[in-house]
Amino acid sequence: WGRSELNTLQRHTKLTDAEQRDRSTFWRNYVGGIDRLACEVARTYCHAFTNAEDWEKVTVALFDFDSMTANDLLGKVSIDVKETPEPTTLSVGGESTVTYKMTWRALPKASRLKGSWRLTLISAAKLKALDGIARKSDPFAEITATTSSGLSLKLCSSVKVVTLDPVWDEVFDLPIANDPKQLEVALDAAAPNLGSTGNVADTLEWDHEDGEKGQPMMTSQTSDLTAATQRRVSAQVLGDWQSRLDLAANMRAEKDPAAQGLLPSVLEEREITVPSGGETPLADGAGTPKPDYANYAIGVTERTDTENQCNCSVFTC
């Protein structure tokens, strides 16, 4: 915690085996965190901003929020995606109702988005009392929009405490993209072939409550999963994303041999060294900075962790 160091190849080789394992462990955790963060950001963007078709269905599910146990379902209803400028009230089961309105908001032609369906969640009424002591509930809403191609956008309202007649007046945007390939273009700009290899939307599918990739899990369903199931689900999506990173790295290395070692493919335990000027990898003998990374010294130790079924690369520069 709070410890960091610039570790050169020469310094790394002088460390004890225990110290090298220590650096390897924390580097693996760091790289794994970056991989997961990139995966979640790309997946969220994919489902929110790459849909160029109409949203097929919107479901509003009302839950009673519980801090210590799973959230309880109060009721749900499907809403037609169409202009509904006046407040409209629908039943979510029994006497319980929800009131909403929906409008289309067109955006300028130069925008990445064609426009957005704006769902205003106004209120709910006569909800069931699921908190026994207060004889009230703490309701919140989950809005899930889906397409026929499998894209799914889930949005969540605030929690209204101790009430059976919550008033939200919250607006939720359901965007329609001009071009469904914007994410692929952005990923390719970051690393050639990262976005254009295969179908990136298949890689970035949401997790399903049964542990398979598919439709998104509701919050209440997620909390019911065992920790082991959640790990398996996350590992499946993250593993597909890391495979995409490895493929892009391999293709980059094939086109540019100087890049080999910067983004290595982990196939076996081996060491790669690109020779350079000793302890000053970023400069030549005269101290002049070198913009071309062929002059950098990069040592890479690659290992496969069979217990956790993951690969790691230890970089020293």
Protein backbone atom coordinates (compact mmCIF):
# COMPACT_ATOMS: atom_id res chain seq x y z
CA TRP A 1 0.00 0.00 0.00
CA GLY A 2 1.55 3.27 -1.11
CA ARG A 3 4.76 1.56 -2.24
CA SER A 4 5.98 1.91 -5.82
CA GLU A 5 9.30 1.73 -7.61
CA LEU A 6 10.85 2.06 -11.05
CA ASN A 7 12.41 -1.37 -11.44
CA THR A 8 15.06 -1.74 -14.16
CA LEU A 9 16.05 -5.10 -15.62
CA GLN A 10 19.44 -4.90 -13.91
CA ARG A 11 17.90 -4.21 -10.50
CA HIS A 12 15.28 -6.90 -10.92
CA THR A 13 17.85 -9.63 -11.60
CA LYS A 14 19.71 -8.67 -8.40
CA LEU A 15 16.63 -9.17 -6.22
CA THR A 16 16.18 -12.39 -4.27
CA ASP A 17 13.74 -15.01 -5.56
CA ALA A 18 11.25 -13.99 -2.86
CA GLU A 19 11.52 -10.32 -3.83
CA GLN A 20 11.07 -11.13 -7.52
CA ARG A 21 7.95 -13.19 -6.71
CA ASP A 22 6.66 -10.28 -4.64
CA ARG A 23 7.06 -7.87 -7.58
CA SER A 24 5.49 -10.42 -9.92
CA THR A 25 2.44 -10.82 -7.68
CA PHE A 26 1.74 -7.11 -7.38
CA TRP A 27 2.42 -6.47 -11.07
CA ARG A 28 -0.04 -9.22 -11.97
CA ASN A 29 -2.67 -7.67 -9.70
CA TYR A 30 -2.05 -4.25 -11.27
CA VAL A 31 -2.31 -5.51 -14.86
CA GLY A 32 -5.38 -7.57 -13.95
CA GLY A 33 -7.05 -4.48 -12.50
CA ILE A 34 -6.34 -2.47 -15.65
CA ASP A 35 -7.69 -5.32 -17.81
CA ARG A 36 -10.89 -5.51 -15.76
CA LEU A 37 -11.40 -1.74 -15.73
CA ALA A 38 -10.93 -1.53 -19.51
CA CYS A 39 -13.31 -4.46 -20.00
CA GLU A 40 -16.08 -2.94 -17.85
CA VAL A 41 -15.75 0.49 -19.47
CA ALA A 42 -15.83 -0.99 -22.99
CA ARG A 43 -18.77 -3.23 -22.11
CA THR A 44 -20.79 -0.37 -20.61
CA TYR A 45 -20.09 1.85 -23.63
CA CYS A 46 -20.96 -0.97 -26.03
CA HIS A 47 -24.44 -1.47 -24.59
CA ALA A 48 -25.20 2.20 -23.96
CA PHE A 49 -23.91 3.93 -27.09
CA THR A 50 -23.52 1.49 -30.02
CA ASN A 51 -27.18 0.58 -30.54
CA ALA A 52 -28.20 1.85 -33.98
CA GLU A 53 -31.57 0.08 -34.03
CA ASP A 54 -34.74 0.76 -32.08
CA TRP A 55 -34.93 -0.42 -28.52
CA GLU A 56 -37.27 -3.40 -28.66
CA LYS A 57 -38.52 -3.47 -25.09
CA VAL A 58 -38.22 -1.42 -21.91
CA THR A 59 -38.95 -3.04 -18.56
CA VAL A 60 -39.46 -1.10 -15.33
CA ALA A 61 -38.94 -3.26 -12.25
CA LEU A 62 -39.59 -1.88 -8.78
CA PHE A 63 -37.65 -3.24 -5.80
CA ASP A 64 -37.60 -2.75 -2.07
CA PHE A 65 -34.02 -1.92 -1.13
CA ASP A 66 -32.46 -4.03 1.63
CA SER A 67 -28.96 -3.33 2.87
CA MET A 68 -28.39 -6.72 4.53
CA THR A 69 -30.34 -9.13 2.30
CA ALA A 70 -31.40 -9.44 -1.33
CA ASN A 71 -33.69 -6.71 -2.68
CA ASP A 72 -37.34 -7.75 -2.89
CA LEU A 73 -39.31 -7.40 -6.12
CA LEU A 74 -42.35 -5.13 -5.73
CA GLY A 75 -43.58 -5.48 -9.30
CA LYS A 76 -42.62 -4.86 -12.92
CA VAL A 77 -44.13 -3.82 -16.22
CA SER A 78 -43.07 -3.63 -19.88
CA ILE A 79 -43.37 -0.26 -21.61
CA ASP A 80 -43.81 0.34 -25.34
CA VAL A 81 -41.03 2.44 -26.86
CA LYS A 82 -43.10 5.22 -28.41
CA GLU A 83 -44.00 8.86 -27.90
CA THR A 84 -45.98 9.15 -24.68
CA PRO A 85 -45.74 12.87 -23.88
CA GLU A 86 -48.51 12.84 -21.27
CA PRO A 87 -48.10 11.07 -17.91
CA THR A 88 -49.25 7.46 -18.27
CA THR A 89 -50.05 5.09 -15.40
CA LEU A 90 -49.63 1.31 -15.66
CA SER A 91 -50.16 -1.53 -13.20
CA VAL A 92 -47.08 -3.35 -11.89
CA GLY A 93 -49.17 -5.99 -10.13
CA GLY A 94 -52.20 -5.86 -7.84
CA GLU A 95 -53.10 -2.31 -6.87
CA SER A 96 -49.54 -1.05 -7.38
CA THR A 97 -48.95 1.35 -10.25
CA VAL A 98 -46.13 3.31 -11.87
CA THR A 99 -46.46 6.59 -13.76
CA TYR A 100 -44.13 7.66 -16.57
CA LYS A 101 -43.85 9.52 -19.85
CA MET A 102 -41.57 9.00 -22.85
CA THR A 103 -40.43 11.38 -25.62
CA TRP A 104 -38.00 11.24 -28.54
CA ARG A 105 -35.16 13.76 -28.55
CA ALA A 106 -33.41 14.16 -31.92
CA LEU A 107 -29.77 15.26 -31.96
CA PRO A 108 -27.75 17.16 -34.61
CA LYS A 109 -26.61 15.15 -37.64
CA ALA A 110 -22.95 15.62 -36.71
CA SER A 111 -23.52 13.92 -33.37
CA ARG A 112 -22.39 10.36 -32.69
CA LEU A 113 -25.96 9.73 -31.58
CA LYS A 114 -29.02 9.94 -33.82
CA GLY A 115 -31.12 10.77 -30.80
CA SER A 116 -32.41 9.43 -27.52
CA TRP A 117 -35.63 8.12 -26.07
CA ARG A 118 -36.14 9.99 -22.80
CA LEU A 119 -38.06 8.04 -20.19
CA THR A 120 -39.26 10.15 -17.26
CA LEU A 121 -40.03 8.02 -14.25
CA ILE A 122 -42.55 10.15 -12.40
CA SER A 123 -43.86 8.12 -9.47
CA ALA A 124 -45.33 4.89 -8.13
CA ALA A 125 -48.32 4.34 -5.86
CA LYS A 126 -49.82 1.78 -3.50
CA LEU A 127 -46.70 -0.40 -3.39
CA LYS A 128 -46.52 -3.40 -1.08
CA ALA A 129 -45.10 -2.92 2.41
CA LEU A 130 -42.18 -5.33 2.72
CA ASP A 131 -40.38 -3.84 5.72
CA GLY A 132 -42.20 -5.50 8.60
CA ILE A 133 -41.28 -3.10 11.38
CA ALA A 134 -42.06 0.18 9.61
CA ARG A 135 -44.80 -1.40 7.46
CA LYS A 136 -43.32 0.53 4.57
CA SER A 137 -40.80 -0.09 1.75
CA ASP A 138 -37.68 1.63 0.41
CA PRO A 139 -38.48 1.50 -3.32
CA PHE A 140 -36.19 2.07 -6.28
CA ALA A 141 -36.59 1.29 -9.97
CA GLU A 142 -34.44 -0.58 -12.47
CA ILE A 143 -35.04 0.33 -16.13
CA THR A 144 -33.80 -2.27 -18.62
CA ALA A 145 -33.90 -1.59 -22.37
CA THR A 146 -33.11 -4.43 -24.80
CA THR A 147 -32.73 -4.91 -28.55
CA SER A 148 -33.36 -7.90 -30.79
CA SER A 149 -29.58 -8.18 -31.39
CA GLY A 150 -28.84 -8.69 -27.68
CA LEU A 151 -27.72 -5.24 -26.58
CA SER A 152 -29.04 -4.31 -23.17
CA LEU A 153 -28.93 -1.06 -21.19
CA LYS A 154 -29.77 -1.06 -17.48
CA LEU A 155 -30.36 2.16 -15.53
CA CYS A 156 -31.22 2.62 -11.87
CA SER A 157 -33.19 5.26 -9.98
CA SER A 158 -32.51 6.63 -6.52
CA VAL A 159 -33.96 4.91 -3.44
CA LYS A 160 -36.94 6.58 -1.76
CA VAL A 161 -36.94 5.57 1.88
CA VAL A 162 -39.92 4.55 4.01
CA THR A 163 -42.73 5.16 1.53
CA LEU A 164 -45.30 3.25 -0.49
CA ASP A 165 -45.95 6.18 -2.83
CA PRO A 166 -42.51 7.30 -4.07
CA VAL A 167 -42.05 10.33 -6.32
CA TRP A 168 -38.91 10.31 -8.48
CA ASP A 169 -39.29 12.71 -11.43
CA GLU A 170 -36.05 11.26 -12.83
CA VAL A 171 -35.10 11.20 -16.52
CA PHE A 172 -33.37 8.23 -18.18
CA ASP A 173 -31.87 8.42 -21.69
CA LEU A 174 -31.96 5.45 -24.08
CA PRO A 175 -29.57 6.50 -26.89
CA ILE A 176 -29.71 5.48 -30.55
CA ALA A 177 -26.32 5.63 -32.30
CA ASN A 178 -25.66 6.92 -35.81
CA ASP A 179 -22.96 4.31 -36.35
CA PRO A 180 -22.85 0.98 -34.46
CA LYS A 181 -19.09 0.58 -35.14
CA GLN A 182 -17.87 3.54 -33.06
CA LEU A 183 -16.45 1.34 -30.30
CA GLU A 184 -14.53 -0.82 -32.78
CA VAL A 185 -13.02 2.32 -34.33
CA ALA A 186 -11.97 3.64 -30.91
CA LEU A 187 -10.43 0.31 -29.88
CA ASP A 188 -8.54 0.03 -33.17
CA ALA A 189 -7.18 3.53 -32.61
CA ALA A 190 -5.84 2.37 -29.24
CA ALA A 191 -4.35 -0.86 -30.62
CA PRO A 192 -4.73 -2.06 -34.23
CA ASN A 193 -7.12 -5.03 -34.54
CA LEU A 194 -8.31 -4.70 -30.93
CA GLY A 195 -11.78 -3.69 -32.08
CA SER A 196 -12.06 -5.07 -35.62
CA THR A 197 -11.16 -8.70 -34.85
CA GLY A 198 -14.37 -10.71 -34.57
CA ASN A 199 -17.54 -9.21 -33.11
CA VAL A 200 -16.66 -7.05 -30.12
CA ALA A 201 -20.31 -7.04 -28.97
CA ASP A 202 -20.14 -10.84 -28.51
CA THR A 203 -17.07 -10.45 -26.32
CA LEU A 204 -18.77 -7.75 -24.23
CA GLU A 205 -22.09 -9.46 -23.57
CA TRP A 206 -23.61 -9.00 -20.14
CA ASP A 207 -23.60 -11.76 -17.53
CA HIS A 208 -26.73 -13.86 -17.05
CA GLU A 209 -28.11 -14.89 -13.67
CA ASP A 210 -27.47 -18.57 -14.43
CA GLY A 211 -23.74 -17.94 -14.78
CA GLU A 212 -23.63 -17.74 -18.57
CA LYS A 213 -23.12 -14.73 -20.79
CA GLY A 214 -26.40 -13.24 -21.99
CA GLN A 215 -28.94 -10.78 -20.66
CA PRO A 216 -27.98 -8.48 -17.76
CA MET A 217 -28.55 -9.54 -14.18
CA MET A 218 -30.91 -7.51 -12.04
CA THR A 219 -29.43 -6.21 -8.80
CA SER A 220 -31.59 -8.50 -6.68
CA GLN A 221 -30.58 -11.54 -8.75
CA THR A 222 -26.90 -10.65 -8.55
CA SER A 223 -26.96 -10.58 -4.75
CA ASP A 224 -28.48 -14.08 -4.69
CA LEU A 225 -25.56 -15.60 -6.59
CA THR A 226 -22.87 -17.37 -4.63
CA ALA A 227 -19.45 -15.75 -4.63
CA ALA A 228 -18.04 -18.66 -6.66
CA THR A 229 -20.69 -18.22 -9.39
CA GLN A 230 -20.01 -14.48 -9.59
CA ARG A 231 -16.29 -15.18 -9.96
CA ARG A 232 -16.94 -17.69 -12.76
CA VAL A 233 -19.22 -15.28 -14.60
CA SER A 234 -16.75 -12.41 -14.32
CA ALA A 235 -13.84 -14.65 -15.31
CA GLN A 236 -15.63 -15.75 -18.49
CA VAL A 237 -16.22 -12.20 -19.75
CA LEU A 238 -12.80 -10.99 -18.61
CA GLY A 239 -11.11 -14.02 -20.16
CA ASP A 240 -12.72 -13.30 -23.54
CA TRP A 241 -11.56 -9.68 -23.29
CA GLN A 242 -7.99 -10.69 -22.39
CA SER A 243 -7.93 -13.11 -25.33
CA ARG A 244 -8.84 -10.18 -27.57
CA LEU A 245 -5.97 -8.16 -26.04
CA ASP A 246 -3.55 -11.05 -26.63
CA LEU A 247 -4.65 -11.42 -30.26
CA ALA A 248 -4.18 -7.70 -30.92
CA ALA A 249 -0.76 -7.88 -29.26
CA ASN A 250 0.31 -10.83 -31.44
CA MET A 251 -0.84 -9.12 -34.63
CA ARG A 252 0.94 -5.93 -33.61
CA ALA A 253 4.17 -7.83 -32.93
CA GLU A 254 3.96 -9.59 -36.32
CA LYS A 255 3.64 -6.26 -38.15
CA ASP A 256 6.21 -4.45 -36.00
CA PRO A 257 8.96 -6.68 -34.51
CA ALA A 258 10.16 -3.76 -32.37
CA ALA A 259 6.86 -3.92 -30.50
CA GLN A 260 7.43 -7.53 -29.47
CA GLY A 261 7.78 -7.57 -25.72
CA LEU A 262 5.68 -4.45 -25.19
CA LEU A 263 2.43 -6.38 -25.60
CA PRO A 264 3.51 -10.03 -25.35
CA SER A 265 1.37 -13.10 -25.85
CA VAL A 266 1.64 -15.39 -22.83
CA LEU A 267 2.26 -18.90 -24.12
CA GLU A 268 5.04 -20.20 -21.88
CA GLU A 269 7.56 -19.06 -19.31
CA ARG A 270 10.32 -17.20 -21.09
CA GLU A 271 12.36 -14.03 -20.98
CA ILE A 272 12.60 -11.44 -23.75
CA THR A 273 15.22 -8.70 -23.78
CA VAL A 274 15.55 -5.89 -26.31
CA PRO A 275 19.18 -4.68 -25.90
CA SER A 276 19.91 -1.04 -25.22
CA GLY A 277 22.13 1.31 -23.26
CA GLY A 278 22.32 -0.32 -19.86
CA GLU A 279 20.87 1.62 -16.95
CA THR A 280 19.70 4.50 -19.20
CA PRO A 281 17.15 2.76 -21.45
CA LEU A 282 15.44 5.98 -22.50
CA ALA A 283 18.59 7.73 -23.72
CA ASP A 284 21.69 7.07 -25.77
CA GLY A 285 25.24 7.51 -24.43
CA ALA A 286 25.06 11.28 -24.84
CA GLY A 287 21.82 11.48 -22.86
CA THR A 288 19.67 12.39 -25.87
CA PRO A 289 16.07 11.09 -25.51
CA LYS A 290 15.12 8.45 -28.07
CA PRO A 291 11.50 8.60 -29.25
CA ASP A 292 11.73 5.18 -30.86
CA TYR A 293 11.12 2.31 -28.49
CA ALA A 294 13.51 0.00 -30.36
CA ASN A 295 16.23 1.67 -28.26
CA TYR A 296 14.57 0.91 -24.94
CA ALA A 297 15.64 -2.01 -22.77
CA ILE A 298 12.63 -4.14 -22.03
CA GLY A 299 12.84 -7.38 -20.08
CA VAL A 300 9.70 -9.51 -19.89
CA THR A 301 9.16 -12.61 -17.81
CA GLU A 302 5.99 -14.45 -18.73
CA ARG A 303 4.34 -17.01 -16.47
CA THR A 304 1.15 -19.03 -16.48
CA ASP A 305 -0.76 -19.28 -13.21
CA THR A 306 -2.55 -22.62 -13.53
CA GLU A 307 -4.26 -22.38 -10.14
CA ASN A 308 -6.11 -19.17 -10.97
CA GLN A 309 -6.22 -19.87 -14.72
CA CYS A 310 -4.65 -16.60 -15.72
CA ASN A 311 -1.53 -15.33 -17.39
CA CYS A 312 0.80 -12.59 -16.22
CA SER A 313 3.73 -10.70 -17.65
CA VAL A 314 6.42 -9.11 -15.48
CA PHE A 315 7.86 -6.07 -17.23
CA THR A 316 11.12 -4.38 -16.29
CA CYS A 317 12.38 -1.40 -18.22
